[in-house]
C-alpha cells in the first residue's frame, strides 16, 4: 500500500479521535453547568457545540471526507467510470469503453 496514504489515514484517525474526545468533554461540562440557572446559559451552547464536533469527528473518521482515491501502478483507471482495470485490459470491465 502507498506509504503516503497510510500516513494520511493515520493522521485522520488520530485527529478524529482527539475531536471526539474534546466533544465528549464539552458535552459533560455542558451537562454539569446546566444544573444551575446561570450555568444553563453556558451549558446548553456547550452541549450543542460538543454534539456538532462529535458528528464532524464521525464524518472525518468514516464518512464522506475520509475517501481518498490513489492511482495504483498495476491498474488502469477508466476515464468514463473510474473503474480499476488490469494493465492488459483494452476495454473497461464495468462500462466497456476503450481504455
N, C-alpha and C. Protein backbone atom coordinates (compact mmCIF):
# COMPACT_ATOMS: atom_id res chain seq x y z
N UNK A 1 0.84 -1.18 0.00
CA UNK A 1 0.00 0.00 0.00
C UNK A 1 0.89 1.24 0.00
N UNK A 2 0.36 2.32 -0.48
CA UNK A 2 1.09 3.57 -0.59
C UNK A 2 1.40 4.13 0.81
N UNK A 3 2.68 4.44 1.12
CA UNK A 3 3.02 4.94 2.46
C UNK A 3 2.38 6.30 2.77
N UNK A 4 2.21 7.12 1.75
CA UNK A 4 1.57 8.42 1.97
C UNK A 4 0.11 8.24 2.37
N UNK A 5 -0.56 7.30 1.73
CA UNK A 5 -1.96 7.02 2.07
C UNK A 5 -2.07 6.48 3.50
N UNK A 6 -1.12 5.64 3.89
CA UNK A 6 -1.12 5.14 5.27
C UNK A 6 -0.94 6.27 6.28
N UNK A 7 -0.04 7.21 5.97
CA UNK A 7 0.19 8.35 6.85
C UNK A 7 -1.05 9.23 6.95
N UNK A 8 -1.69 9.49 5.82
CA UNK A 8 -2.91 10.32 5.82
C UNK A 8 -4.02 9.64 6.62
N UNK A 9 -4.19 8.33 6.43
CA UNK A 9 -5.22 7.61 7.18
C UNK A 9 -4.93 7.63 8.68
N UNK A 10 -3.65 7.51 9.06
CA UNK A 10 -3.28 7.57 10.48
C UNK A 10 -3.59 8.94 11.07
N UNK A 11 -3.22 10.00 10.35
CA UNK A 11 -3.47 11.36 10.85
C UNK A 11 -4.97 11.61 10.97
N UNK A 12 -5.75 11.18 9.98
CA UNK A 12 -7.19 11.38 10.06
C UNK A 12 -7.80 10.59 11.21
N UNK A 13 -7.31 9.38 11.44
CA UNK A 13 -7.82 8.57 12.54
C UNK A 13 -7.52 9.18 13.89
N UNK A 14 -6.29 9.64 14.08
CA UNK A 14 -5.89 10.24 15.36
C UNK A 14 -6.63 11.55 15.58
N UNK A 15 -6.71 12.40 14.54
CA UNK A 15 -7.38 13.69 14.71
C UNK A 15 -8.87 13.50 14.99
N UNK A 16 -9.49 12.49 14.37
CA UNK A 16 -10.91 12.28 14.66
C UNK A 16 -11.13 11.78 16.08
N UNK A 17 -10.19 10.99 16.60
CA UNK A 17 -10.30 10.54 17.99
C UNK A 17 -10.12 11.70 18.95
N UNK A 18 -9.19 12.60 18.66
CA UNK A 18 -8.98 13.78 19.51
C UNK A 18 -10.21 14.67 19.49
N UNK A 19 -10.79 14.88 18.29
CA UNK A 19 -12.01 15.69 18.20
C UNK A 19 -13.16 15.05 18.96
N UNK A 20 -13.30 13.74 18.87
CA UNK A 20 -14.36 13.05 19.60
C UNK A 20 -14.16 13.19 21.10
N UNK A 21 -12.92 13.09 21.56
CA UNK A 21 -12.63 13.24 22.99
C UNK A 21 -12.98 14.65 23.46
N UNK A 22 -12.58 15.66 22.69
CA UNK A 22 -12.91 17.05 23.05
C UNK A 22 -14.42 17.26 23.07
N UNK A 23 -15.11 16.68 22.10
CA UNK A 23 -16.57 16.83 22.04
C UNK A 23 -17.24 16.21 23.26
N UNK A 24 -16.78 15.04 23.67
CA UNK A 24 -17.37 14.38 24.84
C UNK A 24 -17.10 15.20 26.11
N UNK A 25 -15.90 15.76 26.22
CA UNK A 25 -15.59 16.61 27.38
C UNK A 25 -16.51 17.84 27.39
N UNK A 26 -16.71 18.47 26.23
CA UNK A 26 -17.60 19.64 26.16
C UNK A 26 -19.03 19.27 26.56
N UNK A 27 -19.50 18.13 26.12
CA UNK A 27 -20.86 17.69 26.45
C UNK A 27 -20.98 17.46 27.96
N UNK A 28 -19.99 16.80 28.55
CA UNK A 28 -20.03 16.54 30.00
C UNK A 28 -20.00 17.85 30.79
N UNK A 29 -19.10 18.78 30.41
CA UNK A 29 -19.04 20.07 31.10
C UNK A 29 -20.36 20.83 30.94
N UNK A 30 -20.93 20.77 29.73
CA UNK A 30 -22.21 21.43 29.49
C UNK A 30 -23.33 20.86 30.34
N UNK A 31 -23.33 19.55 30.52
CA UNK A 31 -24.37 18.92 31.35
C UNK A 31 -24.22 19.36 32.81
N UNK A 32 -22.99 19.36 33.32
CA UNK A 32 -22.78 19.78 34.71
C UNK A 32 -23.11 21.25 34.92
N UNK A 33 -22.77 22.09 33.94
CA UNK A 33 -23.07 23.52 34.08
C UNK A 33 -24.57 23.80 33.99
N UNK A 34 -25.30 22.98 33.28
CA UNK A 34 -26.72 23.25 33.09
C UNK A 34 -27.58 22.94 34.31
N UNK A 35 -26.98 22.45 35.38
CA UNK A 35 -27.75 22.20 36.60
C UNK A 35 -28.11 23.48 37.33
N UNK A 36 -27.39 24.56 37.07
CA UNK A 36 -27.73 25.83 37.70
C UNK A 36 -28.34 26.76 36.65
N UNK A 37 -29.05 27.78 37.10
CA UNK A 37 -29.73 28.70 36.17
C UNK A 37 -28.72 29.50 35.37
N UNK A 38 -27.69 30.02 36.04
CA UNK A 38 -26.68 30.81 35.34
C UNK A 38 -25.83 29.91 34.45
N UNK A 39 -25.54 28.71 34.92
CA UNK A 39 -24.76 27.77 34.12
C UNK A 39 -25.52 27.26 32.92
N UNK A 40 -26.85 27.35 32.96
CA UNK A 40 -27.67 26.90 31.84
C UNK A 40 -27.39 27.74 30.59
N UNK A 41 -27.08 29.01 30.80
CA UNK A 41 -26.78 29.90 29.67
C UNK A 41 -25.50 29.46 28.97
N UNK A 42 -24.55 28.95 29.72
CA UNK A 42 -23.29 28.49 29.13
C UNK A 42 -23.36 26.99 28.80
N UNK A 43 -24.06 26.23 29.59
CA UNK A 43 -24.08 24.78 29.45
C UNK A 43 -24.75 24.28 28.19
N UNK A 44 -25.90 24.86 27.84
CA UNK A 44 -26.63 24.40 26.65
C UNK A 44 -25.84 24.65 25.36
N UNK A 45 -25.24 25.85 25.17
CA UNK A 45 -24.41 26.01 23.97
C UNK A 45 -23.20 25.07 23.93
N UNK A 46 -22.61 24.77 25.09
CA UNK A 46 -21.51 23.81 25.12
C UNK A 46 -21.95 22.42 24.69
N UNK A 47 -23.14 22.03 25.11
CA UNK A 47 -23.68 20.72 24.70
C UNK A 47 -23.90 20.71 23.19
N UNK A 48 -24.46 21.78 22.65
CA UNK A 48 -24.72 21.85 21.21
C UNK A 48 -23.41 21.82 20.42
N UNK A 49 -22.43 22.61 20.86
CA UNK A 49 -21.12 22.62 20.18
C UNK A 49 -20.46 21.25 20.27
N UNK A 50 -20.56 20.60 21.43
CA UNK A 50 -19.99 19.27 21.59
C UNK A 50 -20.62 18.25 20.67
N UNK A 51 -21.94 18.30 20.51
CA UNK A 51 -22.62 17.37 19.61
C UNK A 51 -22.20 17.62 18.16
N UNK A 52 -22.08 18.89 17.76
CA UNK A 52 -21.66 19.22 16.39
C UNK A 52 -20.24 18.71 16.14
N UNK A 53 -19.33 18.92 17.08
CA UNK A 53 -17.95 18.44 16.92
C UNK A 53 -17.91 16.92 16.88
N UNK A 54 -18.73 16.26 17.68
CA UNK A 54 -18.78 14.80 17.68
C UNK A 54 -19.26 14.28 16.33
N UNK A 55 -20.27 14.90 15.75
CA UNK A 55 -20.76 14.49 14.43
C UNK A 55 -19.67 14.70 13.37
N UNK A 56 -18.97 15.84 13.44
CA UNK A 56 -17.89 16.09 12.48
C UNK A 56 -16.76 15.07 12.62
N UNK A 57 -16.44 14.67 13.84
CA UNK A 57 -15.38 13.68 14.02
C UNK A 57 -15.78 12.33 13.44
N UNK A 58 -17.07 12.00 13.50
CA UNK A 58 -17.55 10.75 12.90
C UNK A 58 -17.42 10.82 11.39
N UNK A 59 -17.76 11.97 10.79
CA UNK A 59 -17.62 12.13 9.35
C UNK A 59 -16.17 12.05 8.92
N UNK A 60 -15.26 12.64 9.68
CA UNK A 60 -13.85 12.61 9.33
C UNK A 60 -13.32 11.18 9.38
N UNK A 61 -13.78 10.43 10.35
CA UNK A 61 -13.24 9.07 10.52
C UNK A 61 -13.74 8.11 9.45
N UNK A 62 -15.01 8.13 9.12
CA UNK A 62 -15.51 7.12 8.19
C UNK A 62 -16.52 7.62 7.19
N UNK A 63 -16.76 8.89 7.17
CA UNK A 63 -17.76 9.42 6.27
C UNK A 63 -17.20 9.88 4.94
N UNK A 64 -17.86 10.81 4.35
CA UNK A 64 -17.52 11.26 3.01
C UNK A 64 -16.17 11.94 2.93
N UNK A 65 -15.70 12.58 4.00
CA UNK A 65 -14.45 13.31 3.96
C UNK A 65 -13.24 12.38 3.98
N UNK A 66 -13.45 11.11 4.31
CA UNK A 66 -12.34 10.19 4.51
C UNK A 66 -11.88 9.52 3.23
N UNK A 67 -12.68 9.51 2.19
CA UNK A 67 -12.36 8.76 0.99
C UNK A 67 -11.33 9.48 0.13
N UNK A 68 -10.22 8.81 -0.09
CA UNK A 68 -9.13 9.36 -0.89
C UNK A 68 -8.81 8.36 -1.99
N UNK A 69 -8.82 8.82 -3.24
CA UNK A 69 -8.51 7.93 -4.36
C UNK A 69 -7.02 8.04 -4.69
N UNK A 70 -6.40 6.88 -4.81
CA UNK A 70 -4.98 6.82 -5.15
C UNK A 70 -4.83 5.92 -6.36
N UNK A 71 -4.14 6.41 -7.39
CA UNK A 71 -3.88 5.60 -8.57
C UNK A 71 -2.82 4.56 -8.25
N UNK A 72 -3.15 3.30 -8.47
CA UNK A 72 -2.20 2.23 -8.22
C UNK A 72 -1.52 1.88 -9.54
N UNK A 73 -0.22 1.63 -9.52
CA UNK A 73 0.50 1.41 -10.77
C UNK A 73 0.14 0.13 -11.50
N UNK A 74 -0.47 -0.84 -10.83
CA UNK A 74 -0.80 -2.09 -11.50
C UNK A 74 -2.24 -2.12 -12.02
N UNK A 75 -2.88 -0.96 -12.12
CA UNK A 75 -4.23 -0.86 -12.64
C UNK A 75 -4.32 0.28 -13.64
N UNK A 76 -5.22 0.12 -14.59
CA UNK A 76 -5.60 1.23 -15.46
C UNK A 76 -6.96 1.71 -14.98
N UNK A 77 -7.12 3.01 -14.87
CA UNK A 77 -8.39 3.56 -14.41
C UNK A 77 -9.16 4.08 -15.61
N UNK A 78 -10.40 3.67 -15.72
CA UNK A 78 -11.28 4.11 -16.82
C UNK A 78 -11.61 5.59 -16.62
N UNK A 79 -11.46 6.38 -17.68
CA UNK A 79 -11.77 7.81 -17.61
C UNK A 79 -13.27 8.06 -17.56
N UNK A 80 -14.06 7.10 -18.01
CA UNK A 80 -15.50 7.27 -18.04
C UNK A 80 -16.15 6.99 -16.69
N UNK A 81 -15.81 5.82 -16.09
CA UNK A 81 -16.49 5.41 -14.85
C UNK A 81 -15.55 5.26 -13.66
N UNK A 82 -14.24 5.52 -13.84
CA UNK A 82 -13.23 5.43 -12.80
C UNK A 82 -13.10 4.04 -12.18
N UNK A 83 -13.36 3.01 -12.98
CA UNK A 83 -13.22 1.63 -12.52
C UNK A 83 -11.77 1.19 -12.66
N UNK A 84 -11.26 0.39 -11.73
CA UNK A 84 -9.91 -0.17 -11.83
C UNK A 84 -9.93 -1.38 -12.75
N UNK A 85 -9.06 -1.38 -13.75
CA UNK A 85 -8.93 -2.49 -14.69
C UNK A 85 -7.49 -2.97 -14.67
N UNK A 86 -7.27 -4.22 -15.07
CA UNK A 86 -5.90 -4.74 -15.12
C UNK A 86 -5.12 -4.00 -16.20
N UNK A 87 -3.79 -4.08 -16.12
CA UNK A 87 -2.93 -3.35 -17.06
C UNK A 87 -3.13 -3.84 -18.48
N UNK A 88 -3.38 -5.12 -18.68
CA UNK A 88 -3.52 -5.69 -20.01
C UNK A 88 -4.88 -5.44 -20.64
N UNK A 89 -5.82 -4.85 -19.91
CA UNK A 89 -7.16 -4.61 -20.43
C UNK A 89 -7.15 -3.54 -21.51
N UNK A 90 -7.92 -3.77 -22.56
CA UNK A 90 -8.08 -2.77 -23.61
C UNK A 90 -9.42 -2.07 -23.48
N UNK A 91 -10.35 -2.72 -22.80
CA UNK A 91 -11.68 -2.16 -22.58
C UNK A 91 -12.01 -2.24 -21.09
N UNK A 92 -12.84 -1.32 -20.63
CA UNK A 92 -13.25 -1.29 -19.23
C UNK A 92 -14.15 -2.47 -18.92
N UNK A 93 -13.91 -3.12 -17.79
CA UNK A 93 -14.72 -4.28 -17.40
C UNK A 93 -16.08 -3.88 -16.86
N UNK A 94 -16.27 -2.59 -16.53
CA UNK A 94 -17.54 -2.12 -15.98
C UNK A 94 -18.43 -1.51 -17.05
N UNK A 95 -17.86 -0.55 -17.82
CA UNK A 95 -18.71 0.17 -18.79
C UNK A 95 -18.42 -0.20 -20.24
N UNK A 96 -17.29 -0.90 -20.50
CA UNK A 96 -16.98 -1.35 -21.85
C UNK A 96 -16.30 -0.33 -22.73
N UNK A 97 -16.00 0.86 -22.20
CA UNK A 97 -15.33 1.89 -23.02
C UNK A 97 -13.88 1.51 -23.29
N UNK A 98 -13.32 2.07 -24.37
CA UNK A 98 -11.94 1.83 -24.74
C UNK A 98 -11.01 2.51 -23.75
N UNK A 99 -10.00 1.77 -23.27
CA UNK A 99 -9.05 2.35 -22.33
C UNK A 99 -7.90 2.99 -23.08
